[in-house]
Each structure stands twice: as C-alpha cells, then as structure tokens.
Amino acid sequence: MGETTMPNPFETTLAAVFLRRQTELLAHKESLKQIAHKAVFVNGSMFSMFNMVASKIPLDRVPALARALETDPGFLMRLELEQAVGKTASVAVLEVFGTPTTINERA
C-alpha cells in the first residue's frame, strides 16, 4: 500500500499564498532561517513549517512576521485573521472591531 498524505486545508488560503510569495521575493537577499530569526521564531524549521502551510500562523506573531517579510502588518493581519478563524468569522470580527488599516491607508 502506498502512503497517503492528508490534504492541507490552509495551502490555498490567501495568507499561505502571500507568505510563499513574499519569501520567494526575499530569497535573493535572505534565507528562510534569517527571515525566521527576524520574525522571532525559534528556528528556521518552525518558520519553514508555517511557510509550507503546515499550520496557521499565530496571530500574535503577525507584527514581527510582517517586519521580517517587509510587508504591512495591517494587510498581513487581515489575511491571517481569515486563515485563523475562517472567512465568515473574520468578517464578523472586523465588523465589530474595525478593519486594521495599512500604513498607506493611514497616510
């Protein structure tokens, strides 16, 4: 019998796609280990696990991760919120607490 792998429910989320793209864009100047260090992850393999979308990114890591990925924290928070609680729940949370604004939107 062949080994079967379970499908990853987070693989196609906007957050996962964005994280993969940002790490690819930064690959010319920083390794995943360097990005993980900047994002205050314990080691590169933990970040790699998230980057390969094996798990959700914890919401409390969004600000540091945004800095490490050279992206706006408000934008990344919106993506991660949807991944963390689902599209319907994230809409409800944003309706109650307001939408995080990006640096550009505040300007």
C-alpha atoms as a PDB file:
ATOM      1  CA  MET A   1       0.000   0.000   0.000  1.00  0.00           C
ATOM      2  CA  GLY A   2       1.195   3.472  -0.843  1.00  0.00           C
ATOM      3  CA  GLU A   3       1.479   6.171   1.741  1.00  0.00           C
ATOM      4  CA  THR A   4      -1.300   8.735   1.542  1.00  0.00           C
ATOM      5  CA  THR A   5      -0.978  12.297   2.636  1.00  0.00           C
ATOM      6  CA  MET A   6      -3.807  14.290   4.065  1.00  0.00           C
ATOM      7  CA  PRO A   7      -4.728  17.417   2.152  1.00  0.00           C
ATOM      8  CA  ASN A   8      -3.658  20.624   3.836  1.00  0.00           C
ATOM      9  CA  PRO A   9      -6.663  22.868   4.490  1.00  0.00           C
ATOM     10  CA  PHE A  10      -4.506  26.018   4.670  1.00  0.00           C
ATOM     11  CA  GLU A  11      -2.484  25.531   1.494  1.00  0.00           C
ATOM     12  CA  THR A  12      -4.665  27.689  -0.748  1.00  0.00           C
ATOM     13  CA  THR A  13      -5.628  30.414   1.720  1.00  0.00           C
ATOM     14  CA  LEU A  14      -4.720  33.957   0.746  1.00  0.00           C
ATOM     15  CA  ALA A  15      -2.362  34.093   3.729  1.00  0.00           C
ATOM     16  CA  ALA A  16      -0.483  30.968   2.634  1.00  0.00           C
ATOM     17  CA  VAL A  17      -0.168  32.140  -0.951  1.00  0.00           C
ATOM     18  CA  PHE A  18       1.042  35.552   0.216  1.00  0.00           C
ATOM     19  CA  LEU A  19       3.609  34.076   2.643  1.00  0.00           C
ATOM     20  CA  ARG A  20       5.064  31.827  -0.051  1.00  0.00           C
ATOM     21  CA  ARG A  21       5.258  34.741  -2.489  1.00  0.00           C
ATOM     22  CA  GLN A  22       6.922  37.093  -0.001  1.00  0.00           C
ATOM     23  CA  THR A  23       9.545  34.543   0.999  1.00  0.00           C
ATOM     24  CA  GLU A  24      10.268  33.918  -2.695  1.00  0.00           C
ATOM     25  CA  LEU A  25      10.632  37.659  -3.295  1.00  0.00           C
ATOM     26  CA  LEU A  26      13.083  37.966  -0.403  1.00  0.00           C
ATOM     27  CA  ALA A  27      15.051  34.802  -1.265  1.00  0.00           C
ATOM     28  CA  HIS A  28      17.657  36.767  -3.220  1.00  0.00           C
ATOM     29  CA  LYS A  29      18.804  38.508  -0.045  1.00  0.00           C
ATOM     30  CA  GLU A  30      17.693  36.387   2.924  1.00  0.00           C
ATOM     31  CA  SER A  31      17.337  32.712   3.728  1.00  0.00           C
ATOM     32  CA  LEU A  32      14.272  31.302   5.456  1.00  0.00           C
ATOM     33  CA  LYS A  33      16.407  30.926   8.565  1.00  0.00           C
ATOM     34  CA  GLN A  34      17.276  34.641   8.515  1.00  0.00           C
ATOM     35  CA  ILE A  35      13.625  35.580   7.980  1.00  0.00           C
ATOM     36  CA  ALA A  36      12.607  33.244  10.826  1.00  0.00           C
ATOM     37  CA  HIS A  37      15.188  34.840  13.103  1.00  0.00           C
ATOM     38  CA  LYS A  38      13.872  38.333  12.269  1.00  0.00           C
ATOM     39  CA  ALA A  39      10.327  37.122  12.912  1.00  0.00           C
ATOM     40  CA  VAL A  40      11.475  35.833  16.326  1.00  0.00           C
ATOM     41  CA  PHE A  41      10.731  32.195  15.536  1.00  0.00           C
ATOM     42  CA  VAL A  42      12.903  29.773  17.481  1.00  0.00           C
ATOM     43  CA  ASN A  43      14.451  28.223  14.406  1.00  0.00           C
ATOM     44  CA  GLY A  44      14.224  28.202  10.650  1.00  0.00           C
ATOM     45  CA  SER A  45      12.430  24.877  10.575  1.00  0.00           C
ATOM     46  CA  MET A  46       9.471  26.282  12.517  1.00  0.00           C
ATOM     47  CA  PHE A  47       9.153  29.106  10.011  1.00  0.00           C
ATOM     48  CA  SER A  48       9.569  26.633   7.161  1.00  0.00           C
ATOM     49  CA  MET A  49       6.683  24.629   8.580  1.00  0.00           C
ATOM     50  CA  PHE A  50       4.483  27.710   8.515  1.00  0.00           C
ATOM     51  CA  ASN A  51       5.821  28.727   5.124  1.00  0.00           C
ATOM     52  CA  MET A  52       4.903  25.341   3.707  1.00  0.00           C
ATOM     53  CA  VAL A  53       1.482  25.940   5.256  1.00  0.00           C
ATOM     54  CA  ALA A  54       1.560  23.007   7.611  1.00  0.00           C
ATOM     55  CA  SER A  55      -0.113  25.167  10.224  1.00  0.00           C
ATOM     56  CA  LYS A  56      -1.725  28.533  10.778  1.00  0.00           C
ATOM     57  CA  ILE A  57       0.477  31.470  11.710  1.00  0.00           C
ATOM     58  CA  PRO A  58      -0.332  32.533  15.293  1.00  0.00           C
ATOM     59  CA  LEU A  59      -1.940  35.978  15.258  1.00  0.00           C
ATOM     60  CA  ASP A  60       0.428  37.227  17.964  1.00  0.00           C
ATOM     61  CA  ARG A  61       3.334  36.642  15.541  1.00  0.00           C
ATOM     62  CA  VAL A  62       1.895  38.838  12.772  1.00  0.00           C
ATOM     63  CA  PRO A  63       3.686  42.126  13.673  1.00  0.00           C
ATOM     64  CA  ALA A  64       7.151  40.533  13.829  1.00  0.00           C
ATOM     65  CA  LEU A  65       6.457  38.395  10.771  1.00  0.00           C
ATOM     66  CA  ALA A  66       5.304  41.437   8.812  1.00  0.00           C
ATOM     67  CA  ARG A  67       8.552  43.231   9.661  1.00  0.00           C
ATOM     68  CA  ALA A  68      10.618  40.201   8.683  1.00  0.00           C
ATOM     69  CA  LEU A  69       8.735  39.848   5.392  1.00  0.00           C
ATOM     70  CA  GLU A  70       8.944  43.591   4.718  1.00  0.00           C
ATOM     71  CA  THR A  71       5.197  43.906   4.396  1.00  0.00           C
ATOM     72  CA  ASP A  72       2.461  45.916   6.041  1.00  0.00           C
ATOM     73  CA  PRO A  73       1.244  44.453   9.361  1.00  0.00           C
ATOM     74  CA  GLY A  74      -2.359  45.593   8.810  1.00  0.00           C
ATOM     75  CA  PHE A  75      -2.525  43.770   5.486  1.00  0.00           C
ATOM     76  CA  LEU A  76      -0.940  40.612   6.876  1.00  0.00           C
ATOM     77  CA  MET A  77      -3.264  40.695   9.904  1.00  0.00           C
ATOM     78  CA  ARG A  78      -6.319  40.722   7.627  1.00  0.00           C
ATOM     79  CA  LEU A  79      -5.016  37.685   5.741  1.00  0.00           C
ATOM     80  CA  GLU A  80      -4.040  35.804   8.887  1.00  0.00           C
ATOM     81  CA  LEU A  81      -7.309  36.584  10.645  1.00  0.00           C
ATOM     82  CA  GLU A  82      -9.247  34.981   7.808  1.00  0.00           C
ATOM     83  CA  GLN A  83      -6.946  31.950   7.928  1.00  0.00           C
ATOM     84  CA  ALA A  84      -7.214  31.693  11.714  1.00  0.00           C
ATOM     85  CA  VAL A  85     -10.969  31.905  12.169  1.00  0.00           C
ATOM     86  CA  GLY A  86     -12.416  31.457   8.689  1.00  0.00           C
ATOM     87  CA  LYS A  87     -13.887  33.920   6.241  1.00  0.00           C
ATOM     88  CA  THR A  88     -17.306  34.323   7.867  1.00  0.00           C
ATOM     89  CA  ALA A  89     -15.930  34.754  11.385  1.00  0.00           C
ATOM     90  CA  SER A  90     -13.220  37.157  10.211  1.00  0.00           C
ATOM     91  CA  VAL A  91     -15.874  39.341   8.592  1.00  0.00           C
ATOM     92  CA  ALA A  92     -17.760  39.394  11.917  1.00  0.00           C
ATOM     93  CA  VAL A  93     -14.597  40.226  13.903  1.00  0.00           C
ATOM     94  CA  LEU A  94     -13.709  43.051  11.522  1.00  0.00           C
ATOM     95  CA  GLU A  95     -17.272  44.351  11.670  1.00  0.00           C
ATOM     96  CA  VAL A  96     -17.156  44.511  15.466  1.00  0.00           C
ATOM     97  CA  PHE A  97     -13.592  45.741  15.969  1.00  0.00           C
ATOM     98  CA  GLY A  98     -12.931  47.504  12.688  1.00  0.00           C
ATOM     99  CA  THR A  99     -10.626  46.706   9.837  1.00  0.00           C
ATOM    100  CA  PRO A 100      -6.897  47.055  10.501  1.00  0.00           C
ATOM    101  CA  THR A 101      -5.605  49.760   8.222  1.00  0.00           C
ATOM    102  CA  THR A 102      -2.367  49.590   6.302  1.00  0.00           C
ATOM    103  CA  ILE A 103       0.296  52.251   6.590  1.00  0.00           C
ATOM    104  CA  ASN A 104      -0.698  53.524   3.141  1.00  0.00           C
ATOM    105  CA  GLU A 105      -4.356  53.718   4.124  1.00  0.00           C
ATOM    106  CA  ARG A 106      -3.464  55.810   7.183  1.00  0.00           C
ATOM    107  CA  ALA A 107      -1.411  58.269   5.145  1.00  0.00           C
END
